Amino acid sequence: MTDLPPNNVRELSDVPSVEVISKAAVMLLSSAAERLGLADEDPASSPRRDLDEARRLITALAGLVTASAEYLGPHAAPMRDGLQSVQRAFREASAYPDEPGQGPGEKYTGPVY
C-alpha cells in the first residue's frame, strides 16, 4: 500500500473559535462591499449593486461582530472599522438614507454617521 499525501483539511473541532468567527465576518464584509458596488470603479453603476442584499449582510455582520467582540481580542477593532465602513457606504449609496440608528446593523452598533 502506498502512502497518501497528507490531508490539507482540518477538522472543524481543531479550528479556534476566533478563526471561525473572523472568517465568517470577513465573508459577510466582503459580500456586503460587493453588493454596495465598492469593487467597481463606479459603485453607482455596478451591476452587482443590490442595496437590499447589502442591508441584510451588513445587519448580519453587525450582529456577529457585536455579539463576539469580547472574544476577538485584537481582531475586534479592525472588524468594527470594516463594519462602520460598509455602514457609511450604505448610507452614502442610499437615495433616501435611513434615519440615524435605523440603518443596517445600527440596532446592534448604534448610529453610524
Protein backbone atom coordinates (compact mmCIF):
# COMPACT_ATOMS: atom_id res chain seq x y z
CA MET A 1 0.00 0.00 0.00
CA THR A 2 1.34 3.46 -0.88
CA ASP A 3 1.34 6.37 1.49
CA LEU A 4 -1.22 9.02 0.60
CA PRO A 5 -0.25 12.71 0.76
CA PRO A 6 -1.26 14.46 3.98
CA ASN A 7 -4.79 15.75 4.01
CA ASN A 8 -4.88 19.57 3.97
CA VAL A 9 -8.36 19.70 5.51
CA ARG A 10 -8.57 20.45 9.21
CA GLU A 11 -11.24 19.04 11.46
CA LEU A 12 -13.67 21.77 12.45
CA SER A 13 -13.05 20.93 16.10
CA ASP A 14 -9.37 21.86 15.57
CA VAL A 15 -10.16 25.37 14.35
CA PRO A 16 -10.11 28.04 17.09
CA SER A 17 -13.42 29.86 17.54
CA VAL A 18 -11.82 33.26 16.85
CA GLU A 19 -10.75 31.97 13.43
CA VAL A 20 -14.25 30.69 12.60
CA ILE A 21 -15.82 34.00 13.69
CA SER A 22 -13.21 36.04 11.82
CA LYS A 23 -13.67 34.09 8.59
CA ALA A 24 -17.43 34.47 8.79
CA ALA A 25 -17.07 38.21 9.43
CA VAL A 26 -14.67 38.67 6.51
CA MET A 27 -17.06 36.79 4.22
CA LEU A 28 -20.00 38.97 5.29
CA LEU A 29 -17.92 42.14 4.97
CA SER A 30 -16.63 41.22 1.52
CA SER A 31 -20.07 40.25 0.28
CA ALA A 32 -21.59 43.49 1.61
CA ALA A 33 -18.88 45.54 -0.13
CA GLU A 34 -19.59 43.69 -3.40
CA ARG A 35 -23.34 44.33 -3.04
CA LEU A 36 -22.60 48.01 -2.48
CA GLY A 37 -20.63 48.03 -5.74
CA LEU A 38 -17.42 49.01 -3.97
CA ALA A 39 -15.31 46.64 -6.09
CA ASP A 40 -16.14 48.63 -9.23
CA GLU A 41 -14.76 51.94 -10.46
CA ASP A 42 -18.21 53.48 -10.31
CA PRO A 43 -20.20 51.86 -7.50
CA ALA A 44 -23.41 53.63 -8.55
CA SER A 45 -23.44 51.84 -11.91
CA SER A 46 -22.16 48.48 -10.68
CA PRO A 47 -24.14 45.52 -11.99
CA ARG A 48 -23.53 43.82 -8.62
CA ARG A 49 -25.09 46.64 -6.61
CA ASP A 50 -28.07 45.47 -4.58
CA LEU A 51 -28.81 47.60 -1.53
CA ASP A 52 -31.45 45.24 -0.17
CA GLU A 53 -28.93 42.38 -0.12
CA ALA A 54 -26.25 44.71 1.29
CA ARG A 55 -28.59 45.71 4.14
CA ARG A 56 -29.08 42.06 5.12
CA LEU A 57 -25.37 41.29 5.02
CA ILE A 58 -24.41 44.39 6.99
CA THR A 59 -27.03 43.64 9.65
CA ALA A 60 -25.75 40.06 9.98
CA LEU A 61 -22.18 41.33 10.21
CA ALA A 62 -23.17 43.86 12.89
CA GLY A 63 -24.83 41.15 14.95
CA LEU A 64 -21.84 38.84 14.65
CA VAL A 65 -19.23 41.49 15.44
CA THR A 66 -21.22 42.93 18.33
CA ALA A 67 -22.01 39.55 19.88
CA SER A 68 -18.46 38.23 19.57
CA ALA A 69 -16.36 41.35 20.21
CA GLU A 70 -15.27 40.22 23.68
CA TYR A 71 -13.76 37.04 22.20
CA LEU A 72 -11.97 38.64 19.26
CA GLY A 73 -9.23 40.42 21.18
CA PRO A 74 -7.07 42.49 18.83
CA HIS A 75 -9.25 41.46 15.86
CA ALA A 76 -12.33 43.27 17.22
CA ALA A 77 -11.26 46.82 16.36
CA PRO A 78 -10.46 46.15 12.67
CA MET A 79 -13.74 44.27 12.32
CA ARG A 80 -15.69 47.15 13.84
CA ASP A 81 -13.86 49.55 11.50
CA GLY A 82 -14.78 47.44 8.47
CA LEU A 83 -18.37 47.24 9.64
CA GLN A 84 -18.59 51.01 10.08
CA SER A 85 -17.10 51.49 6.61
CA VAL A 86 -19.81 49.46 4.91
CA GLN A 87 -22.49 51.07 7.08
CA ARG A 88 -21.29 54.52 5.93
CA ALA A 89 -21.03 53.36 2.32
CA PHE A 90 -24.60 52.09 2.53
CA ARG A 91 -25.80 55.45 3.86
CA GLU A 92 -23.97 57.27 1.04
CA ALA A 93 -25.38 54.89 -1.59
CA SER A 94 -28.98 55.25 -0.44
CA ALA A 95 -31.18 57.65 -2.38
CA TYR A 96 -33.16 58.16 0.83
CA PRO A 97 -30.79 57.45 3.74
CA ASP A 98 -32.23 55.87 6.86
CA GLU A 99 -32.63 57.97 9.97
CA PRO A 100 -29.61 57.72 12.32
CA GLY A 101 -29.94 54.49 14.29
CA GLN A 102 -32.21 52.91 11.65
CA GLY A 103 -29.54 51.93 9.09
CA PRO A 104 -28.36 48.37 8.56
CA GLY A 105 -26.99 46.88 11.75
CA GLU A 106 -27.41 50.07 13.72
CA LYS A 107 -29.76 48.42 16.19
CA TYR A 108 -26.64 46.48 17.27
CA THR A 109 -23.96 49.15 16.86
CA GLY A 110 -25.80 52.39 17.50
CA PRO A 111 -26.00 55.22 14.95
CA VAL A 112 -23.22 55.47 12.37
CA TYR A 113 -22.73 58.86 10.73
